[in-house]
């Protein structure tokens, strides 16, 4: 009986980890045609899980060296630094946030914005 209980607890913890680590962001572009053509996303919760992203309608660049990885911080990076107009809308669970292109600050060749989301 004890072995079964230990196994059940282990299976539950494993399932919980897999579920919690599979965080999905949906995003859409609004009034920003061509402005966010190459954007890298990464999200780290305060628990240290890395998020995954459901990329509609555009794909995310595969160069993970340009992704942000601050604990608990969601970072949007846009390689098109010349534009300052347009919005990006991010959805997570029941939350929705809108970021204006003018909110981004320059960091080298990237525009960046950092924001903390509740997990």
N, C-alpha and C. Protein backbone atom coordinates (compact mmCIF):
# COMPACT_ATOMS: atom_id res chain seq x y z
N UNK A 1 0.81 -1.20 0.00
CA UNK A 1 0.00 0.00 0.00
C UNK A 1 0.85 1.26 0.00
N UNK A 2 1.93 1.25 0.78
CA UNK A 2 2.78 2.42 0.86
C UNK A 2 3.44 2.72 -0.48
N UNK A 3 3.83 1.67 -1.19
CA UNK A 3 4.46 1.86 -2.50
C UNK A 3 3.47 2.49 -3.47
N UNK A 4 2.22 2.03 -3.43
CA UNK A 4 1.20 2.59 -4.31
C UNK A 4 0.94 4.06 -3.98
N UNK A 5 0.93 4.38 -2.70
CA UNK A 5 0.70 5.77 -2.28
C UNK A 5 1.84 6.67 -2.74
N UNK A 6 3.06 6.19 -2.57
CA UNK A 6 4.22 6.97 -3.01
C UNK A 6 4.18 7.16 -4.52
N UNK A 7 3.83 6.10 -5.24
CA UNK A 7 3.74 6.20 -6.71
C UNK A 7 2.66 7.19 -7.12
N UNK A 8 1.51 7.15 -6.44
CA UNK A 8 0.41 8.06 -6.78
C UNK A 8 0.82 9.51 -6.53
N UNK A 9 1.51 9.76 -5.42
CA UNK A 9 1.96 11.12 -5.13
C UNK A 9 2.97 11.58 -6.17
N UNK A 10 3.90 10.70 -6.52
CA UNK A 10 4.92 11.03 -7.53
C UNK A 10 4.27 11.34 -8.87
N UNK A 11 3.29 10.51 -9.26
CA UNK A 11 2.60 10.73 -10.54
C UNK A 11 1.86 12.06 -10.54
N UNK A 12 1.23 12.39 -9.42
CA UNK A 12 0.51 13.66 -9.31
C UNK A 12 1.46 14.84 -9.43
N UNK A 13 2.59 14.77 -8.73
CA UNK A 13 3.57 15.85 -8.80
C UNK A 13 4.12 16.02 -10.20
N UNK A 14 4.39 14.90 -10.86
CA UNK A 14 4.90 14.97 -12.23
C UNK A 14 3.86 15.59 -13.16
N UNK A 15 2.61 15.17 -13.03
CA UNK A 15 1.54 15.73 -13.87
C UNK A 15 1.37 17.21 -13.59
N UNK A 16 1.48 17.61 -12.32
CA UNK A 16 1.36 19.03 -11.97
C UNK A 16 2.47 19.84 -12.60
N UNK A 17 3.68 19.32 -12.58
CA UNK A 17 4.82 20.04 -13.16
C UNK A 17 4.63 20.22 -14.66
N UNK A 18 4.23 19.15 -15.33
CA UNK A 18 4.03 19.22 -16.78
C UNK A 18 2.95 20.23 -17.10
N UNK A 19 1.86 20.22 -16.34
CA UNK A 19 0.77 21.16 -16.59
C UNK A 19 1.22 22.59 -16.34
N UNK A 20 1.88 22.82 -15.21
CA UNK A 20 2.25 24.18 -14.84
C UNK A 20 3.31 24.76 -15.76
N UNK A 21 4.14 23.90 -16.30
CA UNK A 21 5.23 24.41 -17.13
C UNK A 21 4.77 24.69 -18.55
N UNK A 22 3.55 24.28 -18.88
CA UNK A 22 3.05 24.48 -20.24
C UNK A 22 2.18 25.72 -20.27
N UNK A 23 2.82 26.86 -20.18
CA UNK A 23 2.11 28.15 -20.21
C UNK A 23 2.08 28.64 -21.65
N UNK A 24 0.91 28.98 -22.12
CA UNK A 24 0.77 29.39 -23.52
C UNK A 24 0.29 30.83 -23.60
N UNK A 25 0.97 31.60 -24.41
CA UNK A 25 0.53 32.95 -24.74
C UNK A 25 -0.03 32.94 -26.15
N UNK A 26 -1.18 33.57 -26.32
CA UNK A 26 -1.69 33.86 -27.66
C UNK A 26 -1.49 35.35 -27.89
N UNK A 27 -1.04 35.68 -29.05
CA UNK A 27 -0.90 37.11 -29.32
C UNK A 27 -1.47 37.45 -30.68
N UNK A 28 -1.85 38.68 -30.84
CA UNK A 28 -2.32 39.14 -32.14
C UNK A 28 -1.74 40.53 -32.38
N UNK A 29 -1.63 40.85 -33.64
CA UNK A 29 -1.13 42.17 -34.00
C UNK A 29 -2.30 43.10 -34.26
N UNK A 30 -2.18 44.35 -33.84
CA UNK A 30 -3.25 45.32 -34.04
C UNK A 30 -2.63 46.63 -34.49
N UNK A 31 -3.08 47.14 -35.59
CA UNK A 31 -2.60 48.41 -36.13
C UNK A 31 -1.08 48.44 -36.22
N UNK A 32 -0.50 47.32 -36.60
CA UNK A 32 0.96 47.26 -36.63
C UNK A 32 1.44 46.39 -37.78
N UNK A 33 0.78 46.50 -38.89
CA UNK A 33 1.15 45.68 -40.04
C UNK A 33 2.61 45.91 -40.41
N UNK A 34 3.40 44.86 -40.36
CA UNK A 34 4.80 44.95 -40.74
C UNK A 34 5.73 45.45 -39.65
N UNK A 35 5.18 45.94 -38.54
CA UNK A 35 6.05 46.50 -37.50
C UNK A 35 6.67 45.43 -36.62
N UNK A 36 5.92 44.38 -36.36
CA UNK A 36 6.40 43.33 -35.47
C UNK A 36 6.67 42.05 -36.27
N UNK A 37 7.37 42.19 -37.37
CA UNK A 37 7.55 41.05 -38.26
C UNK A 37 8.55 40.05 -37.70
N UNK A 38 9.35 40.43 -36.73
CA UNK A 38 10.35 39.51 -36.19
C UNK A 38 10.47 39.78 -34.70
N UNK A 39 9.76 39.02 -33.91
CA UNK A 39 9.67 39.28 -32.48
C UNK A 39 10.02 38.01 -31.71
N UNK A 40 10.82 38.15 -30.67
CA UNK A 40 11.16 37.02 -29.81
C UNK A 40 10.43 37.17 -28.49
N UNK A 41 9.89 36.05 -28.00
CA UNK A 41 9.18 36.07 -26.73
C UNK A 41 9.76 35.02 -25.79
N UNK A 42 9.79 35.32 -24.55
CA UNK A 42 10.07 34.31 -23.55
C UNK A 42 9.39 34.73 -22.26
N UNK A 43 8.92 33.76 -21.50
CA UNK A 43 8.24 34.05 -20.25
C UNK A 43 8.74 33.09 -19.18
N UNK A 44 9.19 33.63 -18.08
CA UNK A 44 9.61 32.81 -16.95
C UNK A 44 8.73 33.16 -15.76
N UNK A 45 8.06 32.17 -15.20
CA UNK A 45 7.24 32.45 -14.03
C UNK A 45 8.12 32.54 -12.79
N UNK A 46 7.55 32.98 -11.71
CA UNK A 46 8.31 33.09 -10.46
C UNK A 46 8.71 31.72 -9.94
N UNK A 47 8.10 30.67 -10.48
CA UNK A 47 8.45 29.31 -10.08
C UNK A 47 9.55 28.73 -10.97
N UNK A 48 9.99 29.49 -11.93
CA UNK A 48 11.09 29.03 -12.75
C UNK A 48 10.69 28.22 -13.97
N UNK A 49 9.41 28.14 -14.29
CA UNK A 49 8.99 27.41 -15.48
C UNK A 49 9.16 28.29 -16.71
N UNK A 50 9.59 27.70 -17.78
CA UNK A 50 9.67 28.46 -19.03
C UNK A 50 8.39 28.23 -19.82
N UNK A 51 7.88 29.28 -20.41
CA UNK A 51 6.61 29.19 -21.11
C UNK A 51 6.77 28.75 -22.55
N UNK A 52 5.68 28.26 -23.10
CA UNK A 52 5.63 27.98 -24.53
C UNK A 52 4.64 28.97 -25.14
N UNK A 53 4.71 29.13 -26.45
CA UNK A 53 3.91 30.15 -27.09
C UNK A 53 3.15 29.60 -28.28
N UNK A 54 1.88 29.95 -28.35
CA UNK A 54 1.03 29.61 -29.48
C UNK A 54 1.08 30.81 -30.42
N UNK A 55 1.83 30.68 -31.48
CA UNK A 55 2.13 31.84 -32.31
C UNK A 55 1.18 31.96 -33.48
N UNK A 56 0.22 32.84 -33.35
CA UNK A 56 -0.73 33.10 -34.43
C UNK A 56 -0.72 34.60 -34.69
N UNK A 57 -0.66 35.04 -35.89
CA UNK A 57 -0.50 34.23 -37.10
C UNK A 57 0.96 34.09 -37.53
N UNK A 58 1.88 34.70 -36.77
CA UNK A 58 3.28 34.69 -37.18
C UNK A 58 4.09 33.74 -36.33
N UNK A 59 5.24 33.32 -36.83
CA UNK A 59 6.10 32.43 -36.07
C UNK A 59 7.14 33.22 -35.30
N UNK A 60 7.67 32.59 -34.25
CA UNK A 60 8.69 33.22 -33.42
C UNK A 60 10.06 32.80 -33.91
N UNK A 61 10.97 33.73 -33.93
CA UNK A 61 12.33 33.43 -34.37
C UNK A 61 12.95 32.36 -33.49
N UNK A 62 13.76 31.51 -34.07
CA UNK A 62 14.32 30.38 -33.33
C UNK A 62 15.62 30.70 -32.63
N UNK A 63 16.13 31.91 -32.77
CA UNK A 63 17.39 32.29 -32.14
C UNK A 63 17.13 32.60 -30.67
N UNK A 64 17.26 31.57 -29.81
CA UNK A 64 16.92 31.74 -28.40
C UNK A 64 17.92 32.64 -27.69
N UNK A 65 19.06 32.91 -28.29
CA UNK A 65 20.02 33.82 -27.68
C UNK A 65 19.47 35.23 -27.56
N UNK A 66 18.43 35.55 -28.29
CA UNK A 66 17.83 36.88 -28.23
C UNK A 66 16.60 36.91 -27.34
N UNK A 67 16.29 35.77 -26.69
CA UNK A 67 15.12 35.73 -25.81
C UNK A 67 15.47 36.29 -24.45
N UNK A 68 14.50 36.87 -23.78
CA UNK A 68 14.69 37.35 -22.41
C UNK A 68 14.49 36.18 -21.45
N UNK A 69 15.19 36.20 -20.36
CA UNK A 69 15.09 35.10 -19.41
C UNK A 69 15.18 35.60 -17.98
N UNK A 70 14.45 36.65 -17.67
CA UNK A 70 14.42 37.16 -16.30
C UNK A 70 13.30 36.49 -15.53
N UNK A 71 13.60 36.03 -14.34
CA UNK A 71 12.63 35.29 -13.53
C UNK A 71 11.39 36.15 -13.26
N UNK A 72 10.24 35.64 -13.65
CA UNK A 72 8.98 36.34 -13.41
C UNK A 72 8.70 37.47 -14.37
N UNK A 73 9.56 37.68 -15.34
CA UNK A 73 9.41 38.81 -16.26
C UNK A 73 9.07 38.30 -17.65
N UNK A 74 8.07 38.89 -18.25
CA UNK A 74 7.76 38.63 -19.65
C UNK A 74 8.41 39.73 -20.47
N UNK A 75 9.13 39.35 -21.49
CA UNK A 75 9.84 40.33 -22.30
C UNK A 75 9.44 40.20 -23.76
N UNK A 76 9.17 41.32 -24.37
CA UNK A 76 8.92 41.38 -25.81
C UNK A 76 10.09 42.12 -26.44
N UNK A 77 10.68 41.53 -27.45
CA UNK A 77 11.78 42.19 -28.16
C UNK A 77 11.42 42.31 -29.64
N UNK A 78 11.59 43.46 -30.18
CA UNK A 78 11.26 43.72 -31.58
C UNK A 78 12.50 44.20 -32.30
N UNK A 79 12.87 43.51 -33.38
CA UNK A 79 14.10 43.85 -34.09
C UNK A 79 13.93 45.04 -35.02
N UNK A 80 12.68 45.42 -35.30
CA UNK A 80 12.44 46.56 -36.17
C UNK A 80 12.42 47.81 -35.32
N UNK A 81 13.60 48.40 -35.08
CA UNK A 81 13.71 49.49 -34.12
C UNK A 81 13.27 50.84 -34.69
N UNK A 82 13.02 50.92 -35.98
CA UNK A 82 12.71 52.21 -36.58
C UNK A 82 11.30 52.70 -36.33
N UNK A 83 10.37 51.79 -36.05
CA UNK A 83 8.96 52.17 -35.94
C UNK A 83 8.57 52.43 -34.50
N UNK A 84 7.70 53.39 -34.29
CA UNK A 84 7.25 53.73 -32.94
C UNK A 84 5.73 53.74 -32.82
N UNK A 85 5.03 53.26 -33.83
CA UNK A 85 3.57 53.23 -33.76
C UNK A 85 3.08 51.79 -33.85
N UNK A 86 1.84 51.57 -33.41
CA UNK A 86 1.27 50.24 -33.44
C UNK A 86 1.17 49.63 -32.05
N UNK A 87 0.42 48.55 -31.95
CA UNK A 87 0.19 47.89 -30.67
C UNK A 87 0.36 46.39 -30.82
N UNK A 88 0.67 45.73 -29.70
CA UNK A 88 0.63 44.28 -29.66
C UNK A 88 -0.21 43.90 -28.45
N UNK A 89 -1.11 42.94 -28.63
CA UNK A 89 -2.01 42.51 -27.57
C UNK A 89 -1.62 41.09 -27.18
N UNK A 90 -1.40 40.85 -25.88
CA UNK A 90 -1.02 39.54 -25.39
C UNK A 90 -2.12 39.00 -24.48
N UNK A 91 -2.41 37.70 -24.63
CA UNK A 91 -3.42 37.04 -23.82
C UNK A 91 -2.77 35.94 -23.01
N UNK A 92 -3.03 35.88 -21.71
CA UNK A 92 -2.53 34.80 -20.86
C UNK A 92 -3.60 34.47 -19.84
N UNK A 93 -4.08 33.22 -19.86
CA UNK A 93 -5.18 32.81 -19.01
C UNK A 93 -6.34 33.77 -19.24
N UNK A 94 -6.83 34.42 -18.20
CA UNK A 94 -7.93 35.38 -18.36
C UNK A 94 -7.43 36.81 -18.42
N UNK A 95 -6.13 36.97 -18.59
CA UNK A 95 -5.55 38.30 -18.62
C UNK A 95 -5.32 38.76 -20.05
N UNK A 96 -5.39 40.05 -20.24
CA UNK A 96 -5.08 40.64 -21.54
C UNK A 96 -4.33 41.94 -21.30
N UNK A 97 -3.25 42.13 -22.02
CA UNK A 97 -2.50 43.37 -21.90
C UNK A 97 -2.17 43.89 -23.29
N UNK A 98 -2.23 45.20 -23.43
CA UNK A 98 -1.90 45.86 -24.69
C UNK A 98 -0.65 46.69 -24.50
N UNK A 99 0.31 46.51 -25.38
CA UNK A 99 1.55 47.27 -25.33
C UNK A 99 1.64 48.15 -26.57
N UNK A 100 1.91 49.41 -26.35
CA UNK A 100 2.12 50.33 -27.46
C UNK A 100 3.58 50.29 -27.87
N UNK A 101 3.82 50.40 -29.16
CA UNK A 101 5.19 50.41 -29.65
C UNK A 101 6.00 51.53 -29.00
N UNK A 102 5.34 52.63 -28.67
CA UNK A 102 6.05 53.77 -28.08
C UNK A 102 6.53 53.48 -26.66
N UNK A 103 6.04 52.39 -26.02
CA UNK A 103 6.48 52.03 -24.68
C UNK A 103 7.84 51.33 -24.68
N UNK A 104 8.26 50.83 -25.81
CA UNK A 104 9.49 50.05 -25.89
C UNK A 104 10.71 50.95 -25.71
N UNK A 105 11.74 50.43 -25.07
CA UNK A 105 12.99 51.17 -24.97
C UNK A 105 14.06 50.45 -25.80
N UNK A 106 15.01 51.20 -26.30
CA UNK A 106 16.04 50.61 -27.15
C UNK A 106 17.12 49.96 -26.31
N UNK A 107 17.55 48.79 -26.77
CA UNK A 107 18.67 48.08 -26.15
C UNK A 107 19.50 47.50 -27.28
N UNK A 108 20.54 48.20 -27.65
CA UNK A 108 21.33 47.76 -28.80
C UNK A 108 20.49 47.84 -30.06
N UNK A 109 20.37 46.71 -30.78
CA UNK A 109 19.59 46.69 -32.01
C UNK A 109 18.14 46.28 -31.76
N UNK A 110 17.75 46.15 -30.49
CA UNK A 110 16.40 45.69 -30.17
C UNK A 110 15.60 46.77 -29.46
N UNK A 111 14.30 46.73 -29.66
CA UNK A 111 13.36 47.44 -28.80
C UNK A 111 12.85 46.43 -27.78
N UNK A 112 12.78 46.80 -26.52
CA UNK A 112 12.36 45.85 -25.50
C UNK A 112 11.32 46.45 -24.58
N UNK A 113 10.47 45.60 -24.03
CA UNK A 113 9.57 46.00 -22.95
C UNK A 113 9.51 44.83 -21.98
N UNK A 114 9.59 45.14 -20.69
CA UNK A 114 9.53 44.12 -19.66
C UNK A 114 8.27 44.32 -18.83
N UNK A 115 7.63 43.23 -18.46
CA UNK A 115 6.41 43.33 -17.66
C UNK A 115 6.28 42.06 -16.83
N UNK A 116 5.79 42.20 -15.60
CA UNK A 116 5.59 41.04 -14.73
C UNK A 116 4.12 40.62 -14.81
N UNK A 117 3.90 39.34 -15.14
CA UNK A 117 2.56 38.78 -15.19
C UNK A 117 2.40 37.83 -14.02
N UNK A 118 1.19 37.78 -13.47
CA UNK A 118 0.90 36.80 -12.43
C UNK A 118 0.77 35.44 -13.08
N UNK A 119 1.35 34.42 -12.46
CA UNK A 119 1.24 33.06 -13.02
C UNK A 119 0.15 32.28 -12.34
